[in-house]
């Protein structure tokens, strides 16, 4: 919700008890508040055209119907985690550190490997005889999976892991080869809805563009410095030759008018946030001072790469804004 609000797409509900809302700046969009599992199911059935869910839910719920959906943006920078196997650090599993070692343990039909998880579909796809697990049983639980091995109700767990702290505090460990998938929030649509209905594709494009512009801007600062130089060309050359931060295409340079007639120009460049201080030092080294740093809200490209990939995925060779009118 906050991400959409940051993109000027505030979602509002008439009252807190309702599960239906609307989106500012896009009055043609109706917003449904649903559980992640239901969002995926309803996108598959075309009851919902576009959704925002974790990638783990896509894989778990859509399964063989993933081809009915298309991922528009796969890195929305929230909910980052991974789905992983974890075994106890004690007992029979003390020396087990990989999936291959797990396979060599003696499991039988009478005493199968018991895996407890909320991701039964993904677990069933992984623990197959073809994958080296002829004797595995998938158990279902909605929460507190980490307690199951210590209670003796399961041998291991399959669950989402973020920092790994909860696993360690419950004497569990991840094993090599046991990371089933990476997950974070993603923007998804029903494939036929965006391919066959221009108005849905237009909405997908605008949401994608706003998300891309904002997420890209979060990694950048706008830096402006007054630089001693006899001309804008001299300043530009110094930035290109003596710094590693020349902006997106190049620096924007303007004249500075001083009371004493000193020769200064103002140069503005975009700088990756993690490289801010090195960039400041580089600008100082070529005569920069009075350096101002501003956060950036949006950076819109001529055309987002993900938009072009989406059109290719949908086999749409040409797109015009007028198609959605």
C-alpha atoms as a PDB file:
ATOM      1  CA  UNK A   1       0.000   0.000   0.000  1.00  0.00           C
ATOM      2  CA  UNK A   2       2.784   2.429   0.883  1.00  0.00           C
ATOM      3  CA  UNK A   3       4.616   1.634  -2.330  1.00  0.00           C
ATOM      4  CA  UNK A   4       1.536   2.497  -4.374  1.00  0.00           C
ATOM      5  CA  UNK A   5       1.039   5.687  -2.347  1.00  0.00           C
ATOM      6  CA  UNK A   6       4.668   6.649  -3.044  1.00  0.00           C
ATOM      7  CA  UNK A   7       3.821   6.301  -6.739  1.00  0.00           C
ATOM      8  CA  UNK A   8       0.835   8.678  -6.386  1.00  0.00           C
ATOM      9  CA  UNK A   9      -1.551   5.736  -6.515  1.00  0.00           C
ATOM     10  CA  UNK A  10      -3.215   6.036  -3.126  1.00  0.00           C
ATOM     11  CA  UNK A  11      -5.666   3.230  -2.458  1.00  0.00           C
ATOM     12  CA  UNK A  12      -8.749   4.279  -0.507  1.00  0.00           C
ATOM     13  CA  UNK A  13     -11.573   2.262   1.040  1.00  0.00           C
ATOM     14  CA  UNK A  14     -14.977   3.840   1.761  1.00  0.00           C
ATOM     15  CA  UNK A  15     -14.727   2.342   5.246  1.00  0.00           C
ATOM     16  CA  UNK A  16     -12.259   0.037   7.047  1.00  0.00           C
ATOM     17  CA  UNK A  17     -14.604  -2.957   6.984  1.00  0.00           C
ATOM     18  CA  UNK A  18     -14.961  -3.036   3.212  1.00  0.00           C
ATOM     19  CA  UNK A  19     -12.804  -5.137   0.919  1.00  0.00           C
ATOM     20  CA  UNK A  20     -13.318  -2.893  -2.085  1.00  0.00           C
ATOM     21  CA  UNK A  21     -11.540   0.383  -2.828  1.00  0.00           C
ATOM     22  CA  UNK A  22     -10.427   2.770  -5.510  1.00  0.00           C
ATOM     23  CA  UNK A  23      -7.139   4.206  -6.668  1.00  0.00           C
ATOM     24  CA  UNK A  24      -6.313   7.891  -6.932  1.00  0.00           C
ATOM     25  CA  UNK A  25      -5.252   9.086 -10.392  1.00  0.00           C
ATOM     26  CA  UNK A  26      -6.675   5.901 -11.916  1.00  0.00           C
ATOM     27  CA  UNK A  27     -10.476   6.082 -11.431  1.00  0.00           C
ATOM     28  CA  UNK A  28     -11.033   3.227 -13.897  1.00  0.00           C
ATOM     29  CA  UNK A  29      -9.351   0.799 -11.480  1.00  0.00           C
ATOM     30  CA  UNK A  30     -11.323  -1.137  -8.857  1.00  0.00           C
ATOM     31  CA  UNK A  31      -9.170  -2.450  -5.999  1.00  0.00           C
ATOM     32  CA  UNK A  32      -9.993  -5.680  -4.157  1.00  0.00           C
ATOM     33  CA  UNK A  33      -8.433  -6.515  -0.804  1.00  0.00           C
ATOM     34  CA  UNK A  34      -7.897 -10.284  -0.762  1.00  0.00           C
ATOM     35  CA  UNK A  35      -5.618 -12.871   0.784  1.00  0.00           C
ATOM     36  CA  UNK A  36      -2.555 -13.588  -1.344  1.00  0.00           C
ATOM     37  CA  UNK A  37      -3.782 -17.100  -2.115  1.00  0.00           C
ATOM     38  CA  UNK A  38      -7.114 -15.761  -3.354  1.00  0.00           C
ATOM     39  CA  UNK A  39      -5.437 -13.061  -5.451  1.00  0.00           C
ATOM     40  CA  UNK A  40      -3.559 -15.737  -7.372  1.00  0.00           C
ATOM     41  CA  UNK A  41      -6.599 -17.994  -7.773  1.00  0.00           C
ATOM     42  CA  UNK A  42      -8.768 -15.131  -8.993  1.00  0.00           C
ATOM     43  CA  UNK A  43      -6.133 -13.982 -11.479  1.00  0.00           C
ATOM     44  CA  UNK A  44      -6.025 -17.496 -12.908  1.00  0.00           C
ATOM     45  CA  UNK A  45      -9.828 -17.513 -13.276  1.00  0.00           C
ATOM     46  CA  UNK A  46      -9.802 -13.925 -14.671  1.00  0.00           C
ATOM     47  CA  UNK A  47     -11.900 -12.568 -11.822  1.00  0.00           C
ATOM     48  CA  UNK A  48      -8.928 -10.244 -11.200  1.00  0.00           C
ATOM     49  CA  UNK A  49      -6.901  -8.730 -14.029  1.00  0.00           C
ATOM     50  CA  UNK A  50      -3.814  -7.494 -12.158  1.00  0.00           C
ATOM     51  CA  UNK A  51      -2.452  -8.329  -8.719  1.00  0.00           C
ATOM     52  CA  UNK A  52       0.440  -7.697  -6.355  1.00  0.00           C
ATOM     53  CA  UNK A  53       1.586 -10.816  -4.483  1.00  0.00           C
ATOM     54  CA  UNK A  54       4.718 -12.590  -3.333  1.00  0.00           C
ATOM     55  CA  UNK A  55       6.390 -14.809  -5.928  1.00  0.00           C
ATOM     56  CA  UNK A  56       6.206 -17.739  -3.482  1.00  0.00           C
ATOM     57  CA  UNK A  57       2.400 -17.590  -3.608  1.00  0.00           C
ATOM     58  CA  UNK A  58       2.449 -17.560  -7.417  1.00  0.00           C
ATOM     59  CA  UNK A  59       4.467 -20.748  -7.574  1.00  0.00           C
ATOM     60  CA  UNK A  60       2.513 -22.461  -4.787  1.00  0.00           C
ATOM     61  CA  UNK A  61      -1.028 -21.625  -5.884  1.00  0.00           C
ATOM     62  CA  UNK A  62      -0.790 -21.259  -9.670  1.00  0.00           C
ATOM     63  CA  UNK A  63       1.456 -24.296 -10.197  1.00  0.00           C
ATOM     64  CA  UNK A  64       0.750 -25.774 -13.625  1.00  0.00           C
ATOM     65  CA  UNK A  65      -1.405 -22.749 -14.435  1.00  0.00           C
ATOM     66  CA  UNK A  66       1.515 -20.303 -14.233  1.00  0.00           C
ATOM     67  CA  UNK A  67       1.331 -20.015 -18.017  1.00  0.00           C
ATOM     68  CA  UNK A  68      -2.059 -18.301 -17.569  1.00  0.00           C
ATOM     69  CA  UNK A  69      -0.280 -15.450 -15.776  1.00  0.00           C
ATOM     70  CA  UNK A  70       2.484 -13.047 -16.711  1.00  0.00           C
ATOM     71  CA  UNK A  71       4.897 -11.411 -14.274  1.00  0.00           C
ATOM     72  CA  UNK A  72       5.149  -7.721 -15.134  1.00  0.00           C
ATOM     73  CA  UNK A  73       7.596  -6.663 -12.395  1.00  0.00           C
ATOM     74  CA  UNK A  74       9.437  -9.206 -10.266  1.00  0.00           C
ATOM     75  CA  UNK A  75      11.372  -6.942  -7.860  1.00  0.00           C
ATOM     76  CA  UNK A  76       9.106  -4.566  -5.961  1.00  0.00           C
ATOM     77  CA  UNK A  77      11.556  -4.474  -3.013  1.00  0.00           C
ATOM     78  CA  UNK A  78       9.254  -5.656  -0.272  1.00  0.00           C
ATOM     79  CA  UNK A  79       8.768  -9.077   1.275  1.00  0.00           C
ATOM     80  CA  UNK A  80      12.188 -10.316   0.179  1.00  0.00           C
ATOM     81  CA  UNK A  81      12.817 -13.866   1.424  1.00  0.00           C
ATOM     82  CA  UNK A  82      13.441 -17.383   0.188  1.00  0.00           C
ATOM     83  CA  UNK A  83      11.700 -20.729   0.563  1.00  0.00           C
ATOM     84  CA  UNK A  84      14.093 -23.186   2.134  1.00  0.00           C
ATOM     85  CA  UNK A  85      14.434 -26.579   3.769  1.00  0.00           C
ATOM     86  CA  UNK A  86      15.622 -26.666   7.370  1.00  0.00           C
ATOM     87  CA  UNK A  87      16.616 -29.634   9.534  1.00  0.00           C
ATOM     88  CA  UNK A  88      17.447 -29.903  13.243  1.00  0.00           C
ATOM     89  CA  UNK A  89      20.964 -29.159  14.404  1.00  0.00           C
ATOM     90  CA  UNK A  90      20.758 -32.128  16.778  1.00  0.00           C
ATOM     91  CA  UNK A  91      20.133 -35.884  16.731  1.00  0.00           C
ATOM     92  CA  UNK A  92      20.188 -37.808  13.455  1.00  0.00           C
ATOM     93  CA  UNK A  93      20.497 -34.546  11.499  1.00  0.00           C
ATOM     94  CA  UNK A  94      23.515 -33.128  13.348  1.00  0.00           C
ATOM     95  CA  UNK A  95      25.883 -34.048  10.492  1.00  0.00           C
ATOM     96  CA  UNK A  96      23.394 -33.499   7.666  1.00  0.00           C
ATOM     97  CA  UNK A  97      24.324 -30.309   5.784  1.00  0.00           C
ATOM     98  CA  UNK A  98      23.017 -30.862   2.250  1.00  0.00           C
ATOM     99  CA  UNK A  99      20.109 -32.292   0.296  1.00  0.00           C
ATOM    100  CA  UNK A 100      22.409 -35.006  -1.045  1.00  0.00           C
ATOM    101  CA  UNK A 101      23.245 -36.096   2.504  1.00  0.00           C
ATOM    102  CA  UNK A 102      19.541 -36.018   3.344  1.00  0.00           C
ATOM    103  CA  UNK A 103      18.875 -38.456   0.488  1.00  0.00           C
ATOM    104  CA  UNK A 104      21.407 -40.964   1.838  1.00  0.00           C
ATOM    105  CA  UNK A 105      19.568 -41.303   5.149  1.00  0.00           C
ATOM    106  CA  UNK A 106      17.509 -44.448   5.557  1.00  0.00           C
ATOM    107  CA  UNK A 107      13.864 -43.657   4.922  1.00  0.00           C
ATOM    108  CA  UNK A 108      11.311 -46.400   4.411  1.00  0.00           C
ATOM    109  CA  UNK A 109       7.625 -46.733   3.721  1.00  0.00           C
ATOM    110  CA  UNK A 110       7.126 -47.567   7.395  1.00  0.00           C
ATOM    111  CA  UNK A 111       9.349 -44.669   8.508  1.00  0.00           C
ATOM    112  CA  UNK A 112       9.226 -41.977   5.823  1.00  0.00           C
ATOM    113  CA  UNK A 113      10.834 -38.546   5.885  1.00  0.00           C
ATOM    114  CA  UNK A 114       8.207 -36.205   7.372  1.00  0.00           C
ATOM    115  CA  UNK A 115       8.256 -32.662   5.976  1.00  0.00           C
ATOM    116  CA  UNK A 116       5.934 -30.072   7.476  1.00  0.00           C
ATOM    117  CA  UNK A 117       5.086 -26.954   5.488  1.00  0.00           C
ATOM    118  CA  UNK A 118       2.468 -24.470   4.420  1.00  0.00           C
ATOM    119  CA  UNK A 119       3.702 -24.932   0.833  1.00  0.00           C
ATOM    120  CA  UNK A 120       2.395 -28.406   0.104  1.00  0.00           C
ATOM    121  CA  UNK A 121       2.344 -28.053  -3.703  1.00  0.00           C
ATOM    122  CA  UNK A 122       5.967 -26.945  -3.905  1.00  0.00           C
ATOM    123  CA  UNK A 123       6.981 -29.599  -1.393  1.00  0.00           C
ATOM    124  CA  UNK A 124       5.252 -32.355  -3.385  1.00  0.00           C
ATOM    125  CA  UNK A 125       7.038 -31.226  -6.522  1.00  0.00           C
ATOM    126  CA  UNK A 126      10.410 -31.351  -4.758  1.00  0.00           C
ATOM    127  CA  UNK A 127      10.107 -34.521  -2.667  1.00  0.00           C
ATOM    128  CA  UNK A 128       9.545 -37.056  -5.435  1.00  0.00           C
ATOM    129  CA  UNK A 129      11.017 -40.471  -6.111  1.00  0.00           C
ATOM    130  CA  UNK A 130      12.605 -39.046  -9.276  1.00  0.00           C
ATOM    131  CA  UNK A 131      14.365 -36.446  -7.141  1.00  0.00           C
ATOM    132  CA  UNK A 132      15.713 -39.074  -4.752  1.00  0.00           C
ATOM    133  CA  UNK A 133      12.944 -39.147  -2.141  1.00  0.00           C
ATOM    134  CA  UNK A 134      10.837 -42.288  -2.675  1.00  0.00           C
ATOM    135  CA  UNK A 135       9.680 -42.241   0.945  1.00  0.00           C
ATOM    136  CA  UNK A 136       8.581 -38.749   1.944  1.00  0.00           C
ATOM    137  CA  UNK A 137       5.350 -37.537   3.507  1.00  0.00           C
ATOM    138  CA  UNK A 138       4.207 -33.924   3.284  1.00  0.00           C
ATOM    139  CA  UNK A 139       2.425 -32.652   6.383  1.00  0.00           C
ATOM    140  CA  UNK A 140       0.373 -29.459   6.470  1.00  0.00           C
ATOM    141  CA  UNK A 141       0.507 -26.664   9.012  1.00  0.00           C
ATOM    142  CA  UNK A 142      -0.270 -22.966   8.949  1.00  0.00           C
ATOM    143  CA  UNK A 143       2.142 -21.668  11.575  1.00  0.00           C
ATOM    144  CA  UNK A 144       4.772 -22.413  14.225  1.00  0.00           C
ATOM    145  CA  UNK A 145       6.469 -24.912  11.917  1.00  0.00           C
ATOM    146  CA  UNK A 146       9.799 -24.454  13.669  1.00  0.00           C
ATOM    147  CA  UNK A 147       8.531 -26.281  16.769  1.00  0.00           C
ATOM    148  CA  UNK A 148       7.526 -29.453  14.918  1.00  0.00           C
ATOM    149  CA  UNK A 149      10.937 -31.219  14.761  1.00  0.00           C
ATOM    150  CA  UNK A 150      11.587 -30.654  18.482  1.00  0.00           C
ATOM    151  CA  UNK A 151       8.083 -31.914  19.271  1.00  0.00           C
ATOM    152  CA  UNK A 152       8.704 -35.024  17.175  1.00  0.00           C
ATOM    153  CA  UNK A 153       5.769 -34.380  14.849  1.00  0.00           C
ATOM    154  CA  UNK A 154       8.006 -33.820  11.795  1.00  0.00           C
ATOM    155  CA  UNK A 155      11.598 -34.412  10.769  1.00  0.00           C
ATOM    156  CA  UNK A 156      12.170 -31.122   8.953  1.00  0.00           C
ATOM    157  CA  UNK A 157      10.402 -28.014   7.700  1.00  0.00           C
ATOM    158  CA  UNK A 158       9.968 -26.138   4.441  1.00  0.00           C
ATOM    159  CA  UNK A 159       9.236 -22.487   5.093  1.00  0.00           C
ATOM    160  CA  UNK A 160      10.018 -18.904   4.146  1.00  0.00           C
ATOM    161  CA  UNK A 161      13.285 -17.573   5.524  1.00  0.00           C
ATOM    162  CA  UNK A 162      14.254 -13.928   5.778  1.00  0.00           C
ATOM    163  CA  UNK A 163      17.106 -13.448   8.239  1.00  0.00           C
ATOM    164  CA  UNK A 164      17.288 -17.020   9.556  1.00  0.00           C
ATOM    165  CA  UNK A 165      17.021 -15.861  13.170  1.00  0.00           C
ATOM    166  CA  UNK A 166      13.860 -17.852  13.909  1.00  0.00           C
ATOM    167  CA  UNK A 167      15.493 -21.022  12.582  1.00  0.00           C
ATOM    168  CA  UNK A 168      18.583 -20.564  14.732  1.00  0.00           C
ATOM    169  CA  UNK A 169      16.523 -19.817  17.838  1.00  0.00           C
ATOM    170  CA  UNK A 170      14.681 -23.124  17.294  1.00  0.00           C
ATOM    171  CA  UNK A 171      17.850 -25.173  16.681  1.00  0.00           C
ATOM    172  CA  UNK A 172      17.247 -25.546  12.952  1.00  0.00           C
ATOM    173  CA  UNK A 173      19.635 -25.030  10.047  1.00  0.00           C
ATOM    174  CA  UNK A 174      19.341 -24.570   6.315  1.00  0.00           C
ATOM    175  CA  UNK A 175      21.073 -27.133   4.128  1.00  0.00           C
ATOM    176  CA  UNK A 176      22.951 -26.873   0.851  1.00  0.00           C
ATOM    177  CA  UNK A 177      20.708 -27.357  -2.153  1.00  0.00           C
ATOM    178  CA  UNK A 178      17.621 -26.727  -0.046  1.00  0.00           C
ATOM    179  CA  UNK A 179      16.712 -23.273  -1.303  1.00  0.00           C
ATOM    180  CA  UNK A 180      13.662 -23.895  -3.497  1.00  0.00           C
ATOM    181  CA  UNK A 181      13.013 -20.333  -4.684  1.00  0.00           C
ATOM    182  CA  UNK A 182      13.628 -16.642  -4.063  1.00  0.00           C
ATOM    183  CA  UNK A 183      10.605 -14.471  -3.400  1.00  0.00           C
ATOM    184  CA  UNK A 184       9.572 -10.854  -3.067  1.00  0.00           C
ATOM    185  CA  UNK A 185       6.585  -8.743  -4.015  1.00  0.00           C
ATOM    186  CA  UNK A 186       5.779  -8.740  -7.721  1.00  0.00           C
ATOM    187  CA  UNK A 187       3.254  -7.237 -10.109  1.00  0.00           C
ATOM    188  CA  UNK A 188       1.371  -9.941 -12.016  1.00  0.00           C
ATOM    189  CA  UNK A 189      -1.510 -10.069 -14.495  1.00  0.00           C
ATOM    190  CA  UNK A 190      -3.763 -12.560 -16.181  1.00  0.00           C
ATOM    191  CA  UNK A 191      -2.095 -13.157 -19.537  1.00  0.00           C
ATOM    192  CA  UNK A 192      -5.265 -13.056 -21.629  1.00  0.00           C
ATOM    193  CA  UNK A 193      -6.567  -9.969 -19.829  1.00  0.00           C
ATOM    194  CA  UNK A 194      -3.542  -7.836 -20.765  1.00  0.00           C
ATOM    195  CA  UNK A 195      -3.154  -9.436 -24.194  1.00  0.00           C
ATOM    196  CA  UNK A 196      -6.763  -9.129 -25.313  1.00  0.00           C
ATOM    197  CA  UNK A 197      -8.089  -6.050 -23.509  1.00  0.00           C
ATOM    198  CA  UNK A 198      -6.293  -2.791 -24.393  1.00  0.00           C
ATOM    199  CA  UNK A 199      -7.717  -0.961 -21.373  1.00  0.00           C
ATOM    200  CA  UNK A 200      -6.163  -3.527 -19.012  1.00  0.00           C
ATOM    201  CA  UNK A 201      -2.819  -3.326 -20.808  1.00  0.00           C
ATOM    202  CA  UNK A 202      -2.917   0.467 -20.502  1.00  0.00           C
ATOM    203  CA  UNK A 203      -3.473   0.218 -16.740  1.00  0.00           C
ATOM    204  CA  UNK A 204      -0.648  -2.315 -16.458  1.00  0.00           C
ATOM    205  CA  UNK A 205       1.644   0.046 -18.373  1.00  0.00           C
ATOM    206  CA  UNK A 206       0.906   3.043 -16.161  1.00  0.00           C
ATOM    207  CA  UNK A 207       1.320   1.094 -12.921  1.00  0.00           C
ATOM    208  CA  UNK A 208       4.545  -0.434 -14.224  1.00  0.00           C
ATOM    209  CA  UNK A 209       5.941   2.931 -15.326  1.00  0.00           C
ATOM    210  CA  UNK A 210       5.159   4.546 -11.985  1.00  0.00           C
ATOM    211  CA  UNK A 211       6.703   1.641 -10.047  1.00  0.00           C
ATOM    212  CA  UNK A 212       9.807   1.502 -12.230  1.00  0.00           C
ATOM    213  CA  UNK A 213      10.370   5.256 -12.028  1.00  0.00           C
ATOM    214  CA  UNK A 214      10.007   5.344  -8.260  1.00  0.00           C
ATOM    215  CA  UNK A 215      12.032   2.211  -7.504  1.00  0.00           C
ATOM    216  CA  UNK A 216      14.861   3.393  -9.734  1.00  0.00           C
ATOM    217  CA  UNK A 217      14.837   6.820  -8.097  1.00  0.00           C
ATOM    218  CA  UNK A 218      15.173   5.256  -4.639  1.00  0.00           C
ATOM    219  CA  UNK A 219      18.707   4.192  -5.539  1.00  0.00           C
ATOM    220  CA  UNK A 220      19.828   7.657  -6.713  1.00  0.00           C
ATOM    221  CA  UNK A 221      20.625  11.121  -5.385  1.00  0.00           C
ATOM    222  CA  UNK A 222      20.623  14.356  -7.330  1.00  0.00           C
ATOM    223  CA  UNK A 223      23.910  16.131  -6.608  1.00  0.00           C
ATOM    224  CA  UNK A 224      24.615  19.732  -7.606  1.00  0.00           C
ATOM    225  CA  UNK A 225      27.996  21.396  -7.135  1.00  0.00           C
ATOM    226  CA  UNK A 226      29.371  24.832  -7.948  1.00  0.00           C
ATOM    227  CA  UNK A 227      32.594  24.126  -9.836  1.00  0.00           C
ATOM    228  CA  UNK A 228      35.411  26.514 -10.740  1.00  0.00           C
ATOM    229  CA  UNK A 229      35.650  26.479 -14.535  1.00  0.00           C
ATOM    230  CA  UNK A 230      36.019  29.000 -17.345  1.00  0.00           C
ATOM    231  CA  UNK A 231      33.266  27.320 -19.392  1.00  0.00           C
ATOM    232  CA  UNK A 232      30.580  24.693 -19.236  1.00  0.00           C
ATOM    233  CA  UNK A 233      32.559  22.597 -21.729  1.00  0.00           C
ATOM    234  CA  UNK A 234      35.630  22.674 -19.473  1.00  0.00           C
ATOM    235  CA  UNK A 235      33.549  21.542 -16.515  1.00  0.00           C
ATOM    236  CA  UNK A 236      31.920  18.741 -18.496  1.00  0.00           C
ATOM    237  CA  UNK A 237      35.286  17.468 -19.661  1.00  0.00           C
ATOM    238  CA  UNK A 238      36.628  17.471 -16.099  1.00  0.00           C
ATOM    239  CA  UNK A 239      33.619  15.473 -14.896  1.00  0.00           C
ATOM    240  CA  UNK A 240      34.022  12.932 -17.708  1.00  0.00           C
ATOM    241  CA  UNK A 241      37.803  12.633 -17.334  1.00  0.00           C
ATOM    242  CA  UNK A 242      38.311  12.872 -13.579  1.00  0.00           C
ATOM    243  CA  UNK A 243      35.200  11.427 -11.953  1.00  0.00           C
ATOM    244  CA  UNK A 244      33.252   8.216 -12.239  1.00  0.00           C
ATOM    245  CA  UNK A 245      29.914   9.948 -11.849  1.00  0.00           C
ATOM    246  CA  UNK A 246      28.755  11.774 -14.943  1.00  0.00           C
ATOM    247  CA  UNK A 247      25.010  11.324 -14.466  1.00  0.00           C
ATOM    248  CA  UNK A 248      22.486   9.268 -16.415  1.00  0.00           C
ATOM    249  CA  UNK A 249      23.474  10.513 -19.871  1.00  0.00           C
ATOM    250  CA  UNK A 250      25.857  13.264 -18.776  1.00  0.00           C
ATOM    251  CA  UNK A 251      26.036  16.233 -16.407  1.00  0.00           C
ATOM    252  CA  UNK A 252      23.585  19.129 -16.609  1.00  0.00           C
ATOM    253  CA  UNK A 253      25.627  22.339 -16.422  1.00  0.00           C
ATOM    254  CA  UNK A 254      24.465  25.941 -15.993  1.00  0.00           C
ATOM    255  CA  UNK A 255      26.159  29.293 -15.495  1.00  0.00           C
ATOM    256  CA  UNK A 256      26.633  30.697 -11.991  1.00  0.00           C
ATOM    257  CA  UNK A 257      26.616  34.494 -11.638  1.00  0.00           C
ATOM    258  CA  UNK A 258      28.811  35.650  -8.747  1.00  0.00           C
ATOM    259  CA  UNK A 259      29.088  39.132  -7.222  1.00  0.00           C
ATOM    260  CA  UNK A 260      32.861  39.181  -7.680  1.00  0.00           C
ATOM    261  CA  UNK A 261      32.857  37.857 -11.215  1.00  0.00           C
ATOM    262  CA  UNK A 262      34.571  34.572 -10.312  1.00  0.00           C
ATOM    263  CA  UNK A 263      34.172  31.838 -12.913  1.00  0.00           C
ATOM    264  CA  UNK A 264      31.833  29.133 -11.655  1.00  0.00           C
ATOM    265  CA  UNK A 265      29.348  26.778 -13.227  1.00  0.00           C
ATOM    266  CA  UNK A 266      26.747  24.600 -11.499  1.00  0.00           C
ATOM    267  CA  UNK A 267      26.911  20.915 -12.440  1.00  0.00           C
ATOM    268  CA  UNK A 268      24.159  18.450 -11.598  1.00  0.00           C
ATOM    269  CA  UNK A 269      24.622  14.701 -11.792  1.00  0.00           C
ATOM    270  CA  UNK A 270      22.708  11.639 -10.630  1.00  0.00           C
ATOM    271  CA  UNK A 271      24.683   9.491  -8.199  1.00  0.00           C
ATOM    272  CA  UNK A 272      23.902   5.971  -6.915  1.00  0.00           C
ATOM    273  CA  UNK A 273      23.086   6.255  -3.224  1.00  0.00           C
ATOM    274  CA  UNK A 274      25.803   3.836  -2.124  1.00  0.00           C
ATOM    275  CA  UNK A 275      28.410   5.921  -4.006  1.00  0.00           C
ATOM    276  CA  UNK A 276      27.418   9.327  -2.624  1.00  0.00           C
ATOM    277  CA  UNK A 277      30.463  10.168  -0.534  1.00  0.00           C
ATOM    278  CA  UNK A 278      33.025   9.031  -3.150  1.00  0.00           C
ATOM    279  CA  UNK A 279      31.184  11.221  -5.677  1.00  0.00           C
ATOM    280  CA  UNK A 280      31.353  14.200  -3.291  1.00  0.00           C
ATOM    281  CA  UNK A 281      35.129  13.757  -2.990  1.00  0.00           C
ATOM    282  CA  UNK A 282      35.508  13.554  -6.770  1.00  0.00           C
ATOM    283  CA  UNK A 283      33.548  16.791  -7.277  1.00  0.00           C
ATOM    284  CA  UNK A 284      35.641  18.548  -4.639  1.00  0.00           C
ATOM    285  CA  UNK A 285      38.800  17.356  -6.370  1.00  0.00           C
ATOM    286  CA  UNK A 286      37.816  19.191  -9.591  1.00  0.00           C
ATOM    287  CA  UNK A 287      36.968  22.421  -7.769  1.00  0.00           C
ATOM    288  CA  UNK A 288      33.489  21.692  -6.493  1.00  0.00           C
ATOM    289  CA  UNK A 289      31.953  23.419  -3.463  1.00  0.00           C
ATOM    290  CA  UNK A 290      28.531  24.295  -2.088  1.00  0.00           C
ATOM    291  CA  UNK A 291      27.450  20.764  -2.916  1.00  0.00           C
ATOM    292  CA  UNK A 292      23.734  20.110  -2.516  1.00  0.00           C
ATOM    293  CA  UNK A 293      22.287  16.592  -2.298  1.00  0.00           C
ATOM    294  CA  UNK A 294      18.594  15.895  -2.932  1.00  0.00           C
ATOM    295  CA  UNK A 295      16.570  12.684  -2.858  1.00  0.00           C
ATOM    296  CA  UNK A 296      14.840  11.792  -6.126  1.00  0.00           C
ATOM    297  CA  UNK A 297      11.208  10.749  -6.383  1.00  0.00           C
ATOM    298  CA  UNK A 298      10.988   9.437  -9.952  1.00  0.00           C
ATOM    299  CA  UNK A 299      13.277   8.696 -12.886  1.00  0.00           C
ATOM    300  CA  UNK A 300      11.229   7.996 -16.000  1.00  0.00           C
ATOM    301  CA  UNK A 301      13.047   6.388 -18.915  1.00  0.00           C
ATOM    302  CA  UNK A 302      12.012   6.798 -22.521  1.00  0.00           C
ATOM    303  CA  UNK A 303      10.604   3.287 -22.238  1.00  0.00           C
ATOM    304  CA  UNK A 304      11.050   0.868 -19.337  1.00  0.00           C
ATOM    305  CA  UNK A 305      12.871  -2.326 -20.236  1.00  0.00           C
ATOM    306  CA  UNK A 306      10.238  -4.381 -18.424  1.00  0.00           C
ATOM    307  CA  UNK A 307       7.510  -2.849 -20.607  1.00  0.00           C
ATOM    308  CA  UNK A 308       9.336  -3.918 -23.756  1.00  0.00           C
ATOM    309  CA  UNK A 309       9.782  -7.411 -22.281  1.00  0.00           C
ATOM    310  CA  UNK A 310       6.083  -7.576 -21.460  1.00  0.00           C
ATOM    311  CA  UNK A 311       5.099  -6.723 -25.035  1.00  0.00           C
ATOM    312  CA  UNK A 312       7.478  -9.401 -26.300  1.00  0.00           C
ATOM    313  CA  UNK A 313       6.016 -11.909 -23.835  1.00  0.00           C
ATOM    314  CA  UNK A 314       2.529 -11.110 -25.134  1.00  0.00           C
ATOM    315  CA  UNK A 315       3.652 -11.152 -28.793  1.00  0.00           C
ATOM    316  CA  UNK A 316       2.532  -7.540 -29.248  1.00  0.00           C
ATOM    317  CA  UNK A 317       4.731  -5.998 -31.925  1.00  0.00           C
ATOM    318  CA  UNK A 318       3.441  -2.431 -31.719  1.00  0.00           C
ATOM    319  CA  UNK A 319       1.607  -0.523 -29.017  1.00  0.00           C
ATOM    320  CA  UNK A 320      -0.080   2.865 -29.182  1.00  0.00           C
ATOM    321  CA  UNK A 321      -1.618   4.796 -26.293  1.00  0.00           C
ATOM    322  CA  UNK A 322      -4.653   5.376 -28.517  1.00  0.00           C
ATOM    323  CA  UNK A 323      -5.326   1.618 -28.557  1.00  0.00           C
ATOM    324  CA  UNK A 324      -6.789   1.867 -25.060  1.00  0.00           C
ATOM    325  CA  UNK A 325      -9.106   4.813 -25.748  1.00  0.00           C
END
